[in-house]
Every structure is written in C-alpha cells, then in structure tokens.
C-alpha atoms as a PDB file:
ATOM      1  CA  MET A   1     103.377 104.046 173.378  1.00  0.00           C
ATOM      2  CA  ASN A   2     105.449 106.478 175.392  1.00  0.00           C
ATOM      3  CA  ARG A   3     104.299 109.982 174.376  1.00  0.00           C
ATOM      4  CA  HIS A   4     107.895 111.257 174.554  1.00  0.00           C
ATOM      5  CA  ASN A   5     108.626 109.172 171.436  1.00  0.00           C
ATOM      6  CA  ILE A   6     106.595 111.534 169.239  1.00  0.00           C
ATOM      7  CA  PHE A   7     109.482 113.999 169.437  1.00  0.00           C
ATOM      8  CA  ASP A   8     112.078 113.084 166.822  1.00  0.00           C
ATOM      9  CA  THR A   9     114.349 114.941 164.438  1.00  0.00           C
ATOM     10  CA  ASN A  10     112.671 113.274 161.418  1.00  0.00           C
ATOM     11  CA  ASN A  11     109.342 115.074 161.036  1.00  0.00           C
ATOM     12  CA  ARG A  12     106.255 113.058 160.182  1.00  0.00           C
ATOM     13  CA  PHE A  13     102.590 114.126 160.406  1.00  0.00           C
ATOM     14  CA  ASP A  14      99.420 112.041 160.177  1.00  0.00           C
ATOM     15  CA  PRO A  15      98.151 112.747 156.630  1.00  0.00           C
ATOM     16  CA  SER A  16      94.562 112.333 157.856  1.00  0.00           C
ATOM     17  CA  PHE A  17      94.889 115.624 159.761  1.00  0.00           C
ATOM     18  CA  TRP A  18      97.850 117.372 158.156  1.00  0.00           C
ATOM     19  CA  ASN A  19      99.119 118.365 154.726  1.00  0.00           C
ATOM     20  CA  GLY A  20     102.803 118.539 155.608  1.00  0.00           C
ATOM     21  CA  SER A  21     102.731 120.729 158.728  1.00  0.00           C
ATOM     22  CA  THR A  22      99.489 122.538 157.764  1.00  0.00           C
ATOM     23  CA  PRO A  23      96.211 121.310 159.286  1.00  0.00           C
ATOM     24  CA  LYS A  24      93.822 119.915 156.669  1.00  0.00           C
ATOM     25  CA  GLY A  25      90.715 120.901 158.606  1.00  0.00           C
ATOM     26  CA  SER A  26      90.329 122.068 162.183  1.00  0.00           C
ATOM     27  CA  PRO A  27      93.684 123.188 163.634  1.00  0.00           C
ATOM     28  CA  TYR A  28      92.327 122.271 167.083  1.00  0.00           C
ATOM     29  CA  ASP A  29      91.601 118.696 165.973  1.00  0.00           C
ATOM     30  CA  ALA A  30      94.945 118.414 164.188  1.00  0.00           C
ATOM     31  CA  VAL A  31      96.960 119.609 167.204  1.00  0.00           C
ATOM     32  CA  HIS A  32      94.997 117.337 169.545  1.00  0.00           C
ATOM     33  CA  ASP A  33      95.572 114.371 167.241  1.00  0.00           C
ATOM     34  CA  ILE A  34      99.289 114.646 168.008  1.00  0.00           C
ATOM     35  CA  TRP A  35      98.427 113.684 171.599  1.00  0.00           C
ATOM     36  CA  ASN A  36      95.634 111.260 170.716  1.00  0.00           C
ATOM     37  CA  HIS A  37      97.721 109.275 168.188  1.00  0.00           C
ATOM     38  CA  PRO A  38     101.396 109.925 169.002  1.00  0.00           C
ATOM     39  CA  ASP A  39     102.502 106.881 167.006  1.00  0.00           C
ATOM     40  CA  GLN A  40     101.551 108.773 163.813  1.00  0.00           C
ATOM     41  CA  TYR A  41     103.970 111.654 164.463  1.00  0.00           C
ATOM     42  CA  ARG A  42     107.658 112.518 164.633  1.00  0.00           C
ATOM     43  CA  LEU A  43     108.534 116.150 165.409  1.00  0.00           C
ATOM     44  CA  GLY A  44     111.865 117.921 165.696  1.00  0.00           C
ATOM     45  CA  CYS A  45     112.771 120.419 168.405  1.00  0.00           C
ATOM     46  CA  PHE A  46     111.062 123.531 166.999  1.00  0.00           C
ATOM     47  CA  ARG A  47     107.910 121.766 165.817  1.00  0.00           C
ATOM     48  CA  ALA A  48     107.714 119.809 169.078  1.00  0.00           C
ATOM     49  CA  THR A  49     107.798 123.061 171.047  1.00  0.00           C
ATOM     50  CA  SER A  50     105.229 124.554 168.661  1.00  0.00           C
ATOM     51  CA  ALA A  51     102.979 121.518 169.250  1.00  0.00           C
ATOM     52  CA  VAL A  52     103.328 121.823 173.028  1.00  0.00           C
ATOM     53  CA  PHE A  53     102.449 125.519 172.822  1.00  0.00           C
ATOM     54  CA  GLY A  54      99.537 124.883 170.472  1.00  0.00           C
ATOM     55  CA  TYR A  55      98.115 122.166 172.684  1.00  0.00           C
ATOM     56  CA  GLY A  56      98.367 124.269 175.833  1.00  0.00           C
ATOM     57  CA  ILE A  57      96.822 127.330 174.215  1.00  0.00           C
ATOM     58  CA  SER A  58      94.017 125.262 172.680  1.00  0.00           C
ATOM     59  CA  GLN A  59      93.186 123.903 176.138  1.00  0.00           C
ATOM     60  CA  ALA A  60      93.025 127.434 177.529  1.00  0.00           C
ATOM     61  CA  ILE A  61      90.831 129.023 174.849  1.00  0.00           C
ATOM     62  CA  GLY A  62      88.796 126.156 173.377  1.00  0.00           C
ATOM     63  CA  ARG A  63      88.147 124.836 169.876  1.00  0.00           C
ATOM     64  CA  HIS A  64      86.300 127.747 168.242  1.00  0.00           C
ATOM     65  CA  LYS A  65      88.620 130.541 169.363  1.00  0.00           C
ATOM     66  CA  PHE A  66      91.733 128.441 168.684  1.00  0.00           C
ATOM     67  CA  ASN A  67      90.583 127.595 165.153  1.00  0.00           C
ATOM     68  CA  THR A  68      89.691 131.233 164.487  1.00  0.00           C
ATOM     69  CA  LEU A  69      93.012 132.585 165.739  1.00  0.00           C
ATOM     70  CA  TRP A  70      95.080 129.863 164.029  1.00  0.00           C
ATOM     71  CA  GLY A  71      93.967 130.849 160.551  1.00  0.00           C
ATOM     72  CA  GLN A  72      95.731 128.997 157.726  1.00  0.00           C
ATOM     73  CA  GLY A  73      99.234 128.699 159.211  1.00  0.00           C
ATOM     74  CA  ARG A  74     101.611 125.785 159.542  1.00  0.00           C
ATOM     75  CA  LEU A  75     102.442 124.297 162.946  1.00  0.00           C
ATOM     76  CA  GLU A  76     105.880 125.902 163.057  1.00  0.00           C
ATOM     77  CA  GLU A  77     104.350 129.323 162.328  1.00  0.00           C
ATOM     78  CA  ILE A  78     102.481 129.393 165.661  1.00  0.00           C
ATOM     79  CA  SER A  79     105.325 131.474 167.103  1.00  0.00           C
ATOM     80  CA  LEU A  80     104.514 134.200 164.547  1.00  0.00           C
ATOM     81  CA  ASN A  81     100.754 134.179 165.243  1.00  0.00           C
ATOM     82  CA  LYS A  82     100.204 137.258 167.417  1.00  0.00           C
ATOM     83  CA  GLY A  83      96.710 136.088 168.338  1.00  0.00           C
ATOM     84  CA  LEU A  84      98.170 132.969 169.963  1.00  0.00           C
ATOM     85  CA  VAL A  85     101.767 133.795 170.884  1.00  0.00           C
ATOM     86  CA  ARG A  86     103.510 137.011 171.922  1.00  0.00           C
ATOM     87  CA  GLN A  87     107.198 137.779 171.937  1.00  0.00           C
ATOM     88  CA  GLN A  88     109.317 139.900 174.259  1.00  0.00           C
ATOM     89  CA  ASP A  89     112.816 140.910 173.220  1.00  0.00           C
ATOM     90  CA  HIS A  90     115.625 141.679 175.668  1.00  0.00           C
ATOM     91  CA  SER A  91     114.398 139.544 178.572  1.00  0.00           C
ATOM     92  CA  PRO A  92     116.815 139.127 181.491  1.00  0.00           C
ATOM     93  CA  LYS A  93     118.260 135.633 181.950  1.00  0.00           C
ATOM     94  CA  ASP A  94     116.443 135.170 185.259  1.00  0.00           C
ATOM     95  CA  ASP A  95     113.045 136.573 184.158  1.00  0.00           C
ATOM     96  CA  TRP A  96     110.855 133.551 183.330  1.00  0.00           C
ATOM     97  CA  ILE A  97     107.169 132.831 183.899  1.00  0.00           C
ATOM     98  CA  PRO A  98     105.884 129.253 183.584  1.00  0.00           C
ATOM     99  CA  GLY A  99     104.929 128.740 179.941  1.00  0.00           C
ATOM    100  CA  ASP A 100     107.678 131.001 178.550  1.00  0.00           C
ATOM    101  CA  TRP A 101     109.474 129.653 175.472  1.00  0.00           C
ATOM    102  CA  GLY A 102     113.154 130.459 175.104  1.00  0.00           C
ATOM    103  CA  TYR A 103     116.116 129.360 173.016  1.00  0.00           C
ATOM    104  CA  VAL A 104     119.711 128.370 173.728  1.00  0.00           C
ATOM    105  CA  ARG A 105     121.800 128.876 170.578  1.00  0.00           C
ATOM    106  CA  ASN A 106     124.801 126.763 169.658  1.00  0.00           C
ATOM    107  CA  THR A 107     127.419 129.460 169.058  1.00  0.00           C
ATOM    108  CA  GLY A 108     130.393 127.105 168.748  1.00  0.00           C
ATOM    109  CA  THR A 109     130.216 126.930 164.955  1.00  0.00           C
ATOM    110  CA  THR A 110     128.794 129.093 162.197  1.00  0.00           C
ATOM    111  CA  HIS A 111     127.152 126.106 160.452  1.00  0.00           C
ATOM    112  CA  PRO A 112     126.032 123.558 163.059  1.00  0.00           C
ATOM    113  CA  PRO A 113     124.659 120.254 161.792  1.00  0.00           C
ATOM    114  CA  ALA A 114     120.875 119.870 161.517  1.00  0.00           C
ATOM    115  CA  GLY A 115     119.408 119.291 164.945  1.00  0.00           C
ATOM    116  CA  LEU A 116     122.332 120.942 166.731  1.00  0.00           C
ATOM    117  CA  GLU A 117     121.544 124.591 165.962  1.00  0.00           C
ATOM    118  CA  GLY A 118     120.320 125.103 169.516  1.00  0.00           C
ATOM    119  CA  GLU A 119     117.565 124.101 171.898  1.00  0.00           C
ATOM    120  CA  ASN A 120     114.004 125.368 172.280  1.00  0.00           C
ATOM    121  CA  ILE A 121     113.031 125.262 175.950  1.00  0.00           C
ATOM    122  CA  VAL A 122     109.799 125.904 177.838  1.00  0.00           C
ATOM    123  CA  TYR A 123     109.861 127.043 181.454  1.00  0.00           C
ATOM    124  CA  LEU A 124     107.804 124.769 183.721  1.00  0.00           C
ATOM    125  CA  GLY A 125     108.340 126.647 186.983  1.00  0.00           C
ATOM    126  CA  ASN A 126     110.482 125.899 190.033  1.00  0.00           C
ATOM    127  CA  GLY A 127     113.697 126.244 188.031  1.00  0.00           C
ATOM    128  CA  LYS A 128     112.751 123.482 185.568  1.00  0.00           C
ATOM    129  CA  TYR A 129     112.748 123.733 181.768  1.00  0.00           C
ATOM    130  CA  TRP A 130     111.492 121.227 179.200  1.00  0.00           C
ATOM    131  CA  GLY A 131     113.162 120.698 175.856  1.00  0.00           C
ATOM    132  CA  PHE A 132     113.577 118.048 173.205  1.00  0.00           C
ATOM    133  CA  PRO A 133     115.558 115.939 173.326  1.00  0.00           C
ATOM    134  CA  GLY A 134     116.571 115.839 176.914  1.00  0.00           C
ATOM    135  CA  GLY A 135     113.371 116.274 178.889  1.00  0.00           C
ATOM    136  CA  ILE A 136     113.424 118.387 182.032  1.00  0.00           C
ATOM    137  CA  LYS A 137     116.570 120.179 183.192  1.00  0.00           C
ATOM    138  CA  SER A 138     117.642 123.398 184.911  1.00  0.00           C
ATOM    139  CA  LEU A 139     118.487 126.400 182.734  1.00  0.00           C
ATOM    140  CA  ASN A 140     122.204 125.978 183.400  1.00  0.00           C
ATOM    141  CA  GLN A 141     121.964 122.290 182.459  1.00  0.00           C
ATOM    142  CA  TRP A 142     120.376 123.271 179.114  1.00  0.00           C
ATOM    143  CA  ILE A 143     123.033 125.912 178.476  1.00  0.00           C
ATOM    144  CA  ASN A 144     125.752 123.371 179.296  1.00  0.00           C
ATOM    145  CA  LYS A 145     124.120 120.677 177.143  1.00  0.00           C
ATOM    146  CA  VAL A 146     124.151 122.962 174.090  1.00  0.00           C
ATOM    147  CA  ARG A 147     127.690 124.096 174.976  1.00  0.00           C
ATOM    148  CA  SER A 148     128.803 120.434 174.945  1.00  0.00           C
ATOM    149  CA  TRP A 149     127.976 120.178 171.229  1.00  0.00           C
ATOM    150  CA  ASN A 150     130.630 122.699 170.046  1.00  0.00           C
ATOM    151  CA  ASN A 151     132.081 124.302 173.202  1.00  0.00           C
ATOM    152  CA  ALA A 152     129.919 127.455 173.110  1.00  0.00           C
ATOM    153  CA  SER A 153     126.290 128.420 173.698  1.00  0.00           C
ATOM    154  CA  LYS A 154     124.207 131.497 174.403  1.00  0.00           C
ATOM    155  CA  LEU A 155     120.769 131.932 175.941  1.00  0.00           C
ATOM    156  CA  LEU A 156     118.934 134.329 173.646  1.00  0.00           C
ATOM    157  CA  SER A 157     117.052 137.174 175.335  1.00  0.00           C
ATOM    158  CA  VAL A 158     113.892 136.595 173.253  1.00  0.00           C
ATOM    159  CA  ARG A 159     110.934 134.996 175.082  1.00  0.00           C
ATOM    160  CA  ARG A 160     107.707 133.789 173.542  1.00  0.00           C
ATOM    161  CA  TYR A 161     104.650 133.262 175.671  1.00  0.00           C
ATOM    162  CA  PRO A 162     100.970 132.413 175.192  1.00  0.00           C
ATOM    163  CA  ALA A 163      98.866 135.437 174.210  1.00  0.00           C
ATOM    164  CA  VAL A 164      96.112 134.134 176.481  1.00  0.00           C
ATOM    165  CA  GLY A 165      96.033 133.506 180.207  1.00  0.00           C
ATOM    166  CA  LEU A 166      97.812 136.603 181.500  1.00  0.00           C
ATOM    167  CA  ASN A 167      96.283 140.042 181.188  1.00  0.00           C
END
C-alpha cells in the first residue's frame, strides 16, 4: 500500500495500539505502528502532521525517552508537549529550519468547512514544504492552495519544532 494513503480526513486508528487517538501502551510502538501498518490508519491534516513529528522525534531520541516524554497524551496533543515540541511565536515568513511546522490559515470565511480551515506544513529544506493533502510544494504554492479555497489565506507566524536535535 502507498504510505501516502494513510493521510485522510476521516480519522481511524488501529484499536490494537490506540484508544481513539491515545496510545494504549507504548507511545513509541503506537506511533511506529502507523508506519508499519498504514492500512489500519486514516489521519486528517493536523493528526497526520502530529504523526510525522512524533515519528521523527521518536527516531531521534529512542523508545525509552520518547515514551517518558510522551506521558499520557493523545496524538494531536504532541504540539503541546514541551518535552517533545517547542513553539516560537512571531517568526518571520522566511525564517524556516528543516523540521519546522507551520500553518497557513484559510481567512476567506469565518466558518470554513471541516478540512478547509487551513494547512499544516512541515519545512523539508531547499524551499520545499510537506503538507496533507497535496504533498510537497513551495511555501507560496501552499499559500496559494489555501487561498484557492475561499480567496484568502495567511501564513501564521507561529512555528513548532522538535525539542530535540538543536541545542
């Protein structure tokens, strides 16, 4: 199965590893199961980005430290876990480091339909950003994609980044 198919707007988690979006046992094992058995999962934009972040961080710090820092949280709460993810407010538009997580908001309507609120993007380097759906694009392409939904978009100045790897 193509691993890109695990990202979907209808969320589904393997009940062997997850109770809703909360790991049943080891968070490390649960996050890795998303990659080991992608056919058992469907994740929307925010949870997909959370899974990508969780997987990358778990690779960097290993099972024990990841499980310890994760605690009891849900997958989508990884962005609030200061042991795993940090946040910087008021980042300039052109200030990105590979691994940074940003957001392009749909500002064309006050109540956008589910799935069209905006786009979570992760900077890959060399001017390329990953997001779901849509894959890899430039920042301006992401801003324009979100703008195409309701004729307005805004790159938020908030950046999230892994709490490990850069000191």
